[in-house]
Amino acid sequence: METITTPAFDAGKYKQTTFQQWQSAAEAWYRWSPLLHQWLGKSTELMLDLAGVEKGHRVLDVAAGAGEQSITAAKKVGATGFVLATDISPNILAFAQKMANEAGLENIQTKVMDGENLELPDATFDAVISRVGLIYFPDQRRALEEMKRVLKPGGKVAAIVYSTPEKNKFFSIPVSIIRQRAKLPPPLAGQPGPFSLGKNGTIEKAFEDAGFINVSAIRIDAPVILPTAKFCVEFEKESFGALHQMMSGLNEDEKQSVWEEIENELKQFETENGFAGPCEMVVAVGTKK
């Protein structure tokens, strides 16, 4: 009898694909920064509060992207504080530095770095933050352990992740449609992704397994507010590289048809006041002994 072998998740290939996605989407994330601030501003303030970020603190931002939340952190720590924004994509960090320059902030630096291998000395930061980044690390435990390593004793790590697909239909509906139309298999066991830490207790366990104490998580409603569903599709089309990767096997006509189907499905969230895409974030925190 022939044994059927389940394909193994290739972390190296996944990481390379993720790198290419963020290199390509860098300019879009910078351009959509005002939406990101509006959409994730409340979650970001909660993350910084849970991390205990104060004036004079040294803060590490892992998977910082275009740095909108790094700017918020830099303003919070003030001139005597310091923020280091890291990401695997040099393209996106160039826009983070551009945002810092435009804001007139001199207490931010950027450095290309893999969050699973932080090239930083032990116990040198008061707080570590990561906004919608931890979900995409192939080895989430290693990433959390690295964040803990660079923290000073008593310091905190706080991270924002998506909750479940049911609570994030602005994103899960497009993913579901693309998966069906592109005839993609289910995600492989151990594969990271947008909802990989969203179930109740999942991110808390991840923090505890990495050795953090006083772990907790708060769920926060974060609807994507835009004029129409069409605007939401434009945002996702320009900024969510993973969706393009999922459609890589389709021709251009098929891709256009998929985007049209996504827009039609998302129209259910339009009202007379505009579009409100359902989204729920989880903000988790843990302390280093």
C-alpha atoms as a PDB file:
ATOM      1  CA  MET A   1       0.000   0.000   0.000  1.00  0.00           C
ATOM      2  CA  GLU A   2       1.433   3.357  -1.041  1.00  0.00           C
ATOM      3  CA  THR A   3       2.011   5.888   1.738  1.00  0.00           C
ATOM      4  CA  ILE A   4       0.754   9.409   1.049  1.00  0.00           C
ATOM      5  CA  THR A   5       3.204  11.993   2.326  1.00  0.00           C
ATOM      6  CA  THR A   6       1.902  15.404   3.330  1.00  0.00           C
ATOM      7  CA  PRO A   7       4.091  18.162   1.863  1.00  0.00           C
ATOM      8  CA  ALA A   8       6.284  19.828   4.479  1.00  0.00           C
ATOM      9  CA  PHE A   9       6.166  23.551   5.073  1.00  0.00           C
ATOM     10  CA  ASP A  10       9.320  25.144   3.625  1.00  0.00           C
ATOM     11  CA  ALA A  11      10.216  27.987   6.015  1.00  0.00           C
ATOM     12  CA  GLY A  12      13.122  29.224   3.908  1.00  0.00           C
ATOM     13  CA  LYS A  13      11.045  29.487   0.751  1.00  0.00           C
ATOM     14  CA  TYR A  14       8.201  31.139   2.667  1.00  0.00           C
ATOM     15  CA  LYS A  15      10.556  33.729   4.145  1.00  0.00           C
ATOM     16  CA  GLN A  16      12.012  34.547   0.708  1.00  0.00           C
ATOM     17  CA  THR A  17       8.521  34.966  -0.741  1.00  0.00           C
ATOM     18  CA  THR A  18       7.546  37.218   2.191  1.00  0.00           C
ATOM     19  CA  PHE A  19      10.670  39.308   1.625  1.00  0.00           C
ATOM     20  CA  GLN A  20       9.763  39.803  -2.040  1.00  0.00           C
ATOM     21  CA  GLN A  21       6.165  40.705  -1.167  1.00  0.00           C
ATOM     22  CA  TRP A  22       7.202  43.477   1.224  1.00  0.00           C
ATOM     23  CA  GLN A  23       9.861  44.764  -1.154  1.00  0.00           C
ATOM     24  CA  SER A  24       7.104  45.176  -3.771  1.00  0.00           C
ATOM     25  CA  ALA A  25       4.411  46.549  -1.424  1.00  0.00           C
ATOM     26  CA  ALA A  26       6.692  49.037   0.369  1.00  0.00           C
ATOM     27  CA  GLU A  27       5.596  52.191  -1.457  1.00  0.00           C
ATOM     28  CA  ALA A  28       1.910  51.287  -1.089  1.00  0.00           C
ATOM     29  CA  TRP A  29       2.190  50.813   2.674  1.00  0.00           C
ATOM     30  CA  TYR A  30       3.829  54.241   2.921  1.00  0.00           C
ATOM     31  CA  ARG A  31       1.151  55.814   0.736  1.00  0.00           C
ATOM     32  CA  TRP A  32      -1.674  54.227   2.746  1.00  0.00           C
ATOM     33  CA  SER A  33      -0.149  55.285   6.095  1.00  0.00           C
ATOM     34  CA  PRO A  34      -3.024  57.694   6.906  1.00  0.00           C
ATOM     35  CA  LEU A  35      -5.466  54.775   6.620  1.00  0.00           C
ATOM     36  CA  LEU A  36      -3.197  52.584   8.760  1.00  0.00           C
ATOM     37  CA  HIS A  37      -3.118  55.284  11.437  1.00  0.00           C
ATOM     38  CA  GLN A  38      -6.905  55.568  11.432  1.00  0.00           C
ATOM     39  CA  TRP A  39      -7.477  51.806  11.267  1.00  0.00           C
ATOM     40  CA  LEU A  40      -4.844  50.652  13.770  1.00  0.00           C
ATOM     41  CA  GLY A  41      -4.328  53.799  15.848  1.00  0.00           C
ATOM     42  CA  LYS A  42      -6.387  52.597  18.812  1.00  0.00           C
ATOM     43  CA  SER A  43      -4.707  49.167  18.804  1.00  0.00           C
ATOM     44  CA  THR A  44      -1.288  50.815  18.547  1.00  0.00           C
ATOM     45  CA  GLU A  45      -1.899  53.069  21.554  1.00  0.00           C
ATOM     46  CA  LEU A  46      -3.029  50.037  23.546  1.00  0.00           C
ATOM     47  CA  MET A  47       0.081  48.104  22.472  1.00  0.00           C
ATOM     48  CA  LEU A  48       2.361  50.940  23.600  1.00  0.00           C
ATOM     49  CA  ASP A  49       0.490  51.298  26.886  1.00  0.00           C
ATOM     50  CA  LEU A  50       0.654  47.552  27.615  1.00  0.00           C
ATOM     51  CA  ALA A  51       4.375  47.590  26.778  1.00  0.00           C
ATOM     52  CA  GLY A  52       4.823  50.362  29.362  1.00  0.00           C
ATOM     53  CA  VAL A  53       6.478  52.694  26.856  1.00  0.00           C
ATOM     54  CA  GLU A  54       7.486  55.958  28.558  1.00  0.00           C
ATOM     55  CA  LYS A  55       9.660  59.010  27.963  1.00  0.00           C
ATOM     56  CA  GLY A  56      13.339  58.115  27.755  1.00  0.00           C
ATOM     57  CA  HIS A  57      12.716  54.458  26.888  1.00  0.00           C
ATOM     58  CA  ARG A  58      14.618  52.464  24.277  1.00  0.00           C
ATOM     59  CA  VAL A  59      12.051  50.675  22.094  1.00  0.00           C
ATOM     60  CA  LEU A  60      12.605  47.983  19.467  1.00  0.00           C
ATOM     61  CA  ASP A  61       9.981  47.698  16.712  1.00  0.00           C
ATOM     62  CA  VAL A  62      10.172  44.260  15.029  1.00  0.00           C
ATOM     63  CA  ALA A  63       8.696  43.887  11.525  1.00  0.00           C
ATOM     64  CA  ALA A  64       8.145  47.640  11.543  1.00  0.00           C
ATOM     65  CA  GLY A  65       7.044  47.947   7.930  1.00  0.00           C
ATOM     66  CA  ALA A  66       6.680  51.552   6.766  1.00  0.00           C
ATOM     67  CA  GLY A  67       7.007  52.651  10.375  1.00  0.00           C
ATOM     68  CA  GLU A  68       3.731  54.444  11.103  1.00  0.00           C
ATOM     69  CA  GLN A  69       3.635  52.876  14.578  1.00  0.00           C
ATOM     70  CA  SER A  70       7.382  53.562  15.019  1.00  0.00           C
ATOM     71  CA  ILE A  71       6.581  57.262  14.635  1.00  0.00           C
ATOM     72  CA  THR A  72       3.920  57.006  17.346  1.00  0.00           C
ATOM     73  CA  ALA A  73       6.393  55.247  19.653  1.00  0.00           C
ATOM     74  CA  ALA A  74       9.117  57.811  18.955  1.00  0.00           C
ATOM     75  CA  LYS A  75       6.814  60.659  19.908  1.00  0.00           C
ATOM     76  CA  LYS A  76       5.929  58.829  23.122  1.00  0.00           C
ATOM     77  CA  VAL A  77       9.550  58.242  24.227  1.00  0.00           C
ATOM     78  CA  GLY A  78      10.559  61.817  23.371  1.00  0.00           C
ATOM     79  CA  ALA A  79      13.959  63.281  22.551  1.00  0.00           C
ATOM     80  CA  THR A  80      15.674  61.378  25.377  1.00  0.00           C
ATOM     81  CA  GLY A  81      14.296  58.062  24.123  1.00  0.00           C
ATOM     82  CA  PHE A  82      15.143  55.952  21.094  1.00  0.00           C
ATOM     83  CA  VAL A  83      13.285  53.691  18.639  1.00  0.00           C
ATOM     84  CA  LEU A  84      14.966  51.115  16.418  1.00  0.00           C
ATOM     85  CA  ALA A  85      12.695  50.014  13.553  1.00  0.00           C
ATOM     86  CA  THR A  86      13.677  46.662  12.018  1.00  0.00           C
ATOM     87  CA  ASP A  87      12.317  44.684   9.068  1.00  0.00           C
ATOM     88  CA  ILE A  88      13.580  42.169   6.504  1.00  0.00           C
ATOM     89  CA  SER A  89      12.721  44.575   3.669  1.00  0.00           C
ATOM     90  CA  PRO A  90      15.159  47.436   2.985  1.00  0.00           C
ATOM     91  CA  ASN A  91      12.622  49.012   0.621  1.00  0.00           C
ATOM     92  CA  ILE A  92       9.961  49.361   3.303  1.00  0.00           C
ATOM     93  CA  LEU A  93      12.462  50.619   5.909  1.00  0.00           C
ATOM     94  CA  ALA A  94      13.515  53.367   3.495  1.00  0.00           C
ATOM     95  CA  PHE A  95       9.934  54.644   3.705  1.00  0.00           C
ATOM     96  CA  ALA A  96       9.986  54.311   7.510  1.00  0.00           C
ATOM     97  CA  GLN A  97      13.042  56.569   7.564  1.00  0.00           C
ATOM     98  CA  LYS A  98      11.334  58.939   5.139  1.00  0.00           C
ATOM     99  CA  MET A  99       8.327  59.147   7.479  1.00  0.00           C
ATOM    100  CA  ALA A 100      10.620  59.864  10.432  1.00  0.00           C
ATOM    101  CA  ASN A 101      12.366  62.625   8.479  1.00  0.00           C
ATOM    102  CA  GLU A 102       9.042  64.134   7.419  1.00  0.00           C
ATOM    103  CA  ALA A 103       7.934  64.137  11.073  1.00  0.00           C
ATOM    104  CA  GLY A 104      11.172  65.855  12.090  1.00  0.00           C
ATOM    105  CA  LEU A 105      12.104  63.001  14.426  1.00  0.00           C
ATOM    106  CA  GLU A 106      15.759  62.317  15.139  1.00  0.00           C
ATOM    107  CA  ASN A 107      15.256  59.567  17.723  1.00  0.00           C
ATOM    108  CA  ILE A 108      14.477  56.807  15.188  1.00  0.00           C
ATOM    109  CA  GLN A 109      16.907  54.551  13.383  1.00  0.00           C
ATOM    110  CA  THR A 110      16.155  51.758  10.917  1.00  0.00           C
ATOM    111  CA  LYS A 111      18.048  48.524  10.400  1.00  0.00           C
ATOM    112  CA  VAL A 112      17.413  45.589   8.069  1.00  0.00           C
ATOM    113  CA  MET A 113      17.104  42.552  10.298  1.00  0.00           C
ATOM    114  CA  ASP A 114      15.395  39.158  10.492  1.00  0.00           C
ATOM    115  CA  GLY A 115      13.134  39.117  13.548  1.00  0.00           C
ATOM    116  CA  GLU A 116      14.074  35.487  14.213  1.00  0.00           C
ATOM    117  CA  ASN A 117      17.760  36.454  14.402  1.00  0.00           C
ATOM    118  CA  LEU A 118      18.054  39.876  16.005  1.00  0.00           C
ATOM    119  CA  GLU A 119      21.603  41.135  15.603  1.00  0.00           C
ATOM    120  CA  LEU A 120      21.448  43.053  18.862  1.00  0.00           C
ATOM    121  CA  PRO A 121      23.054  42.619  22.304  1.00  0.00           C
ATOM    122  CA  ASP A 122      21.198  41.114  25.237  1.00  0.00           C
ATOM    123  CA  ALA A 123      19.095  43.209  27.624  1.00  0.00           C
ATOM    124  CA  THR A 124      19.365  46.553  25.818  1.00  0.00           C
ATOM    125  CA  PHE A 125      15.722  47.599  25.295  1.00  0.00           C
ATOM    126  CA  ASP A 126      13.018  48.688  27.721  1.00  0.00           C
ATOM    127  CA  ALA A 127      10.215  47.480  25.441  1.00  0.00           C
ATOM    128  CA  VAL A 128       9.705  45.548  22.210  1.00  0.00           C
ATOM    129  CA  ILE A 129       6.675  46.035  19.960  1.00  0.00           C
ATOM    130  CA  SER A 130       5.449  44.284  16.805  1.00  0.00           C
ATOM    131  CA  ARG A 131       2.342  45.320  14.886  1.00  0.00           C
ATOM    132  CA  VAL A 132       0.833  42.659  12.609  1.00  0.00           C
ATOM    133  CA  GLY A 133       4.256  41.089  12.125  1.00  0.00           C
ATOM    134  CA  LEU A 134       4.538  38.102  14.450  1.00  0.00           C
ATOM    135  CA  ILE A 135       1.877  36.200  12.475  1.00  0.00           C
ATOM    136  CA  TYR A 136       4.190  35.999   9.456  1.00  0.00           C
ATOM    137  CA  PHE A 137       7.252  34.532  11.188  1.00  0.00           C
ATOM    138  CA  PRO A 138       7.818  30.864  10.262  1.00  0.00           C
ATOM    139  CA  ASP A 139       9.245  30.275  13.759  1.00  0.00           C
ATOM    140  CA  GLN A 140       7.085  32.441  16.013  1.00  0.00           C
ATOM    141  CA  ARG A 141       8.584  30.995  19.195  1.00  0.00           C
ATOM    142  CA  ARG A 142      12.120  31.831  18.108  1.00  0.00           C
ATOM    143  CA  ALA A 143      11.018  35.385  17.239  1.00  0.00           C
ATOM    144  CA  LEU A 144       9.464  35.833  20.697  1.00  0.00           C
ATOM    145  CA  GLU A 145      12.531  34.363  22.397  1.00  0.00           C
ATOM    146  CA  GLU A 146      14.741  36.781  20.484  1.00  0.00           C
ATOM    147  CA  MET A 147      12.534  39.699  21.538  1.00  0.00           C
ATOM    148  CA  LYS A 148      12.792  38.495  25.151  1.00  0.00           C
ATOM    149  CA  ARG A 149      16.570  38.162  24.896  1.00  0.00           C
ATOM    150  CA  VAL A 150      17.109  41.805  23.941  1.00  0.00           C
ATOM    151  CA  LEU A 151      14.748  43.054  26.663  1.00  0.00           C
ATOM    152  CA  LYS A 152      16.011  44.320  29.994  1.00  0.00           C
ATOM    153  CA  PRO A 153      14.745  42.302  32.985  1.00  0.00           C
ATOM    154  CA  GLY A 154      11.203  43.447  33.768  1.00  0.00           C
ATOM    155  CA  GLY A 155      10.756  44.770  30.221  1.00  0.00           C
ATOM    156  CA  LYS A 156       7.711  43.891  28.133  1.00  0.00           C
ATOM    157  CA  VAL A 157       6.920  42.682  24.641  1.00  0.00           C
ATOM    158  CA  ALA A 158       3.569  43.722  23.165  1.00  0.00           C
ATOM    159  CA  ALA A 159       2.262  42.570  19.798  1.00  0.00           C
ATOM    160  CA  ILE A 160      -0.825  43.113  17.645  1.00  0.00           C
ATOM    161  CA  VAL A 161      -2.241  40.235  15.577  1.00  0.00           C
ATOM    162  CA  TYR A 162      -5.512  39.503  13.770  1.00  0.00           C
ATOM    163  CA  SER A 163      -8.052  37.422  15.663  1.00  0.00           C
ATOM    164  CA  THR A 164     -10.120  34.833  13.737  1.00  0.00           C
ATOM    165  CA  PRO A 165     -11.294  34.771  10.095  1.00  0.00           C
ATOM    166  CA  GLU A 166     -14.916  35.160  11.240  1.00  0.00           C
ATOM    167  CA  LYS A 167     -14.063  38.456  12.935  1.00  0.00           C
ATOM    168  CA  ASN A 168     -11.925  39.749  10.033  1.00  0.00           C
ATOM    169  CA  LYS A 169     -14.086  39.366   6.964  1.00  0.00           C
ATOM    170  CA  PHE A 170     -12.513  42.367   5.203  1.00  0.00           C
ATOM    171  CA  PHE A 171      -9.461  40.090   4.809  1.00  0.00           C
ATOM    172  CA  SER A 172     -10.760  36.527   5.176  1.00  0.00           C
ATOM    173  CA  ILE A 173     -13.346  36.903   2.387  1.00  0.00           C
ATOM    174  CA  PRO A 174     -10.681  37.845  -0.217  1.00  0.00           C
ATOM    175  CA  VAL A 175      -8.432  35.003   1.017  1.00  0.00           C
ATOM    176  CA  SER A 176     -11.290  32.503   0.765  1.00  0.00           C
ATOM    177  CA  ILE A 177     -12.330  33.628  -2.727  1.00  0.00           C
ATOM    178  CA  ILE A 178      -8.763  33.519  -4.038  1.00  0.00           C
ATOM    179  CA  ARG A 179      -8.118  30.104  -2.478  1.00  0.00           C
ATOM    180  CA  GLN A 180     -11.237  28.722  -4.172  1.00  0.00           C
ATOM    181  CA  ARG A 181     -10.698  30.355  -7.569  1.00  0.00           C
ATOM    182  CA  ALA A 182      -6.977  29.464  -7.697  1.00  0.00           C
ATOM    183  CA  LYS A 183      -7.757  25.919  -6.468  1.00  0.00           C
ATOM    184  CA  LEU A 184      -5.220  26.211  -3.667  1.00  0.00           C
ATOM    185  CA  PRO A 185      -4.863  23.492  -1.015  1.00  0.00           C
ATOM    186  CA  PRO A 186      -5.404  24.343   2.665  1.00  0.00           C
ATOM    187  CA  PRO A 187      -2.396  25.905   4.470  1.00  0.00           C
ATOM    188  CA  LEU A 188       0.216  23.349   5.510  1.00  0.00           C
ATOM    189  CA  ALA A 189       0.606  22.410   9.153  1.00  0.00           C
ATOM    190  CA  GLY A 190       2.851  24.915  10.904  1.00  0.00           C
ATOM    191  CA  GLN A 191       2.481  27.505   8.164  1.00  0.00           C
ATOM    192  CA  PRO A 192       2.259  31.085   9.439  1.00  0.00           C
ATOM    193  CA  GLY A 193      -0.403  33.450   8.185  1.00  0.00           C
ATOM    194  CA  PRO A 194      -2.781  36.261   9.108  1.00  0.00           C
ATOM    195  CA  PHE A 195      -4.962  34.215  11.469  1.00  0.00           C
ATOM    196  CA  SER A 196      -2.295  31.882  12.876  1.00  0.00           C
ATOM    197  CA  LEU A 197      -2.430  33.429  16.364  1.00  0.00           C
ATOM    198  CA  GLY A 198      -6.065  34.506  16.419  1.00  0.00           C
ATOM    199  CA  LYS A 199      -7.918  31.788  18.327  1.00  0.00           C
ATOM    200  CA  ASN A 200      -8.627  32.256  22.027  1.00  0.00           C
ATOM    201  CA  GLY A 201      -5.556  31.395  24.078  1.00  0.00           C
ATOM    202  CA  THR A 202      -3.215  30.861  21.099  1.00  0.00           C
ATOM    203  CA  ILE A 203      -1.048  33.956  21.389  1.00  0.00           C
ATOM    204  CA  GLU A 204      -1.063  33.719  25.190  1.00  0.00           C
ATOM    205  CA  LYS A 205       0.343  30.181  24.928  1.00  0.00           C
ATOM    206  CA  ALA A 206       2.955  31.369  22.401  1.00  0.00           C
ATOM    207  CA  PHE A 207       4.173  34.022  24.848  1.00  0.00           C
ATOM    208  CA  GLU A 208       4.211  31.572  27.762  1.00  0.00           C
ATOM    209  CA  ASP A 209       6.064  28.919  25.732  1.00  0.00           C
ATOM    210  CA  ALA A 210       8.708  31.555  24.957  1.00  0.00           C
ATOM    211  CA  GLY A 211       9.231  32.115  28.687  1.00  0.00           C
ATOM    212  CA  PHE A 212       7.247  35.291  29.367  1.00  0.00           C
ATOM    213  CA  ILE A 213       5.370  35.875  32.620  1.00  0.00           C
ATOM    214  CA  ASN A 214       2.257  37.949  33.382  1.00  0.00           C
ATOM    215  CA  VAL A 215       0.908  37.206  29.905  1.00  0.00           C
ATOM    216  CA  SER A 216      -2.429  38.665  28.843  1.00  0.00           C
ATOM    217  CA  ALA A 217      -4.313  39.579  25.678  1.00  0.00           C
ATOM    218  CA  ILE A 218      -7.078  42.058  24.843  1.00  0.00           C
ATOM    219  CA  ARG A 219      -9.377  41.888  21.824  1.00  0.00           C
ATOM    220  CA  ILE A 220     -10.210  45.196  20.207  1.00  0.00           C
ATOM    221  CA  ASP A 221     -12.672  46.098  17.455  1.00  0.00           C
ATOM    222  CA  ALA A 222     -10.802  47.763  14.579  1.00  0.00           C
ATOM    223  CA  PRO A 223     -13.110  48.186  11.557  1.00  0.00           C
ATOM    224  CA  VAL A 224     -11.571  49.281   8.265  1.00  0.00           C
ATOM    225  CA  ILE A 225     -13.421  52.530   7.527  1.00  0.00           C
ATOM    226  CA  LEU A 226     -13.388  53.676   3.896  1.00  0.00           C
ATOM    227  CA  PRO A 227     -15.828  55.402   1.497  1.00  0.00           C
ATOM    228  CA  THR A 228     -16.715  52.228  -0.442  1.00  0.00           C
ATOM    229  CA  ALA A 229     -15.838  48.550  -0.856  1.00  0.00           C
ATOM    230  CA  LYS A 230     -13.972  49.564  -4.007  1.00  0.00           C
ATOM    231  CA  PHE A 231     -11.539  51.601  -1.885  1.00  0.00           C
ATOM    232  CA  CYS A 232     -10.955  48.562   0.337  1.00  0.00           C
ATOM    233  CA  VAL A 233     -10.190  46.412  -2.696  1.00  0.00           C
ATOM    234  CA  GLU A 234      -7.725  49.042  -3.945  1.00  0.00           C
ATOM    235  CA  PHE A 235      -6.017  49.077  -0.542  1.00  0.00           C
ATOM    236  CA  GLU A 236      -5.720  45.294  -0.458  1.00  0.00           C
ATOM    237  CA  LYS A 237      -4.745  45.064  -4.128  1.00  0.00           C
ATOM    238  CA  GLU A 238      -1.887  47.531  -3.651  1.00  0.00           C
ATOM    239  CA  SER A 239      -0.737  46.590  -0.165  1.00  0.00           C
ATOM    240  CA  PHE A 240      -1.428  42.910   0.549  1.00  0.00           C
ATOM    241  CA  GLY A 241       1.310  41.107  -1.345  1.00  0.00           C
ATOM    242  CA  ALA A 242       0.201  37.705  -0.050  1.00  0.00           C
ATOM    243  CA  LEU A 243      -3.031  37.970  -2.047  1.00  0.00           C
ATOM    244  CA  HIS A 244      -1.053  38.477  -5.264  1.00  0.00           C
ATOM    245  CA  GLN A 245       1.166  35.524  -4.383  1.00  0.00           C
ATOM    246  CA  MET A 246      -1.942  33.351  -3.965  1.00  0.00           C
ATOM    247  CA  MET A 247      -3.122  34.401  -7.441  1.00  0.00           C
ATOM    248  CA  SER A 248       0.223  33.858  -9.164  1.00  0.00           C
ATOM    249  CA  GLY A 249      -1.097  30.859 -11.116  1.00  0.00           C
ATOM    250  CA  LEU A 250      -4.003  32.790 -12.673  1.00  0.00           C
ATOM    251  CA  ASN A 251      -3.891  34.768 -15.922  1.00  0.00           C
ATOM    252  CA  GLU A 252      -4.675  38.489 -16.000  1.00  0.00           C
ATOM    253  CA  ASP A 253      -8.334  38.054 -16.986  1.00  0.00           C
ATOM    254  CA  GLU A 254      -8.852  35.554 -14.169  1.00  0.00           C
ATOM    255  CA  LYS A 255      -7.175  37.887 -11.669  1.00  0.00           C
ATOM    256  CA  GLN A 256      -9.420  40.767 -12.729  1.00  0.00           C
ATOM    257  CA  SER A 257     -12.461  38.519 -12.337  1.00  0.00           C
ATOM    258  CA  VAL A 258     -11.323  37.543  -8.830  1.00  0.00           C
ATOM    259  CA  TRP A 259     -10.933  41.183  -7.745  1.00  0.00           C
ATOM    260  CA  GLU A 260     -14.420  41.933  -9.088  1.00  0.00           C
ATOM    261  CA  GLU A 261     -15.870  39.017  -7.105  1.00  0.00           C
ATOM    262  CA  ILE A 262     -14.079  40.224  -3.968  1.00  0.00           C
ATOM    263  CA  GLU A 263     -15.485  43.735  -4.402  1.00  0.00           C
ATOM    264  CA  ASN A 264     -19.014  42.387  -4.890  1.00  0.00           C
ATOM    265  CA  GLU A 265     -18.734  40.294  -1.719  1.00  0.00           C
ATOM    266  CA  LEU A 266     -17.318  43.172   0.325  1.00  0.00           C
ATOM    267  CA  LYS A 267     -20.203  45.433  -0.713  1.00  0.00           C
ATOM    268  CA  GLN A 268     -22.262  43.741   2.007  1.00  0.00           C
ATOM    269  CA  PHE A 269     -20.358  45.981   4.454  1.00  0.00           C
ATOM    270  CA  GLU A 270     -21.380  49.224   2.748  1.00  0.00           C
ATOM    271  CA  THR A 271     -23.963  51.429   4.431  1.00  0.00           C
ATOM    272  CA  GLU A 272     -25.255  54.930   3.795  1.00  0.00           C
ATOM    273  CA  ASN A 273     -22.326  56.105   5.953  1.00  0.00           C
ATOM    274  CA  GLY A 274     -19.691  54.300   3.876  1.00  0.00           C
ATOM    275  CA  PHE A 275     -17.753  51.055   4.109  1.00  0.00           C
ATOM    276  CA  ALA A 276     -16.933  49.408   7.457  1.00  0.00           C
ATOM    277  CA  GLY A 277     -14.923  46.227   6.964  1.00  0.00           C
ATOM    278  CA  PRO A 278     -15.163  43.913  10.002  1.00  0.00           C
ATOM    279  CA  CYS A 279     -11.815  43.560  11.762  1.00  0.00           C
ATOM    280  CA  GLU A 280     -10.810  42.471  15.263  1.00  0.00           C
ATOM    281  CA  MET A 281      -7.283  42.692  16.597  1.00  0.00           C
ATOM    282  CA  VAL A 282      -5.669  40.950  19.547  1.00  0.00           C
ATOM    283  CA  VAL A 283      -3.116  42.938  21.546  1.00  0.00           C
ATOM    284  CA  ALA A 284      -0.941  40.642  23.666  1.00  0.00           C
ATOM    285  CA  VAL A 285       1.741  41.409  26.245  1.00  0.00           C
ATOM    286  CA  GLY A 286       4.297  39.453  28.249  1.00  0.00           C
ATOM    287  CA  THR A 287       6.998  40.423  30.748  1.00  0.00           C
ATOM    288  CA  LYS A 288      10.593  39.228  30.983  1.00  0.00           C
ATOM    289  CA  LYS A 289      11.511  37.905  34.421  1.00  0.00           C
END
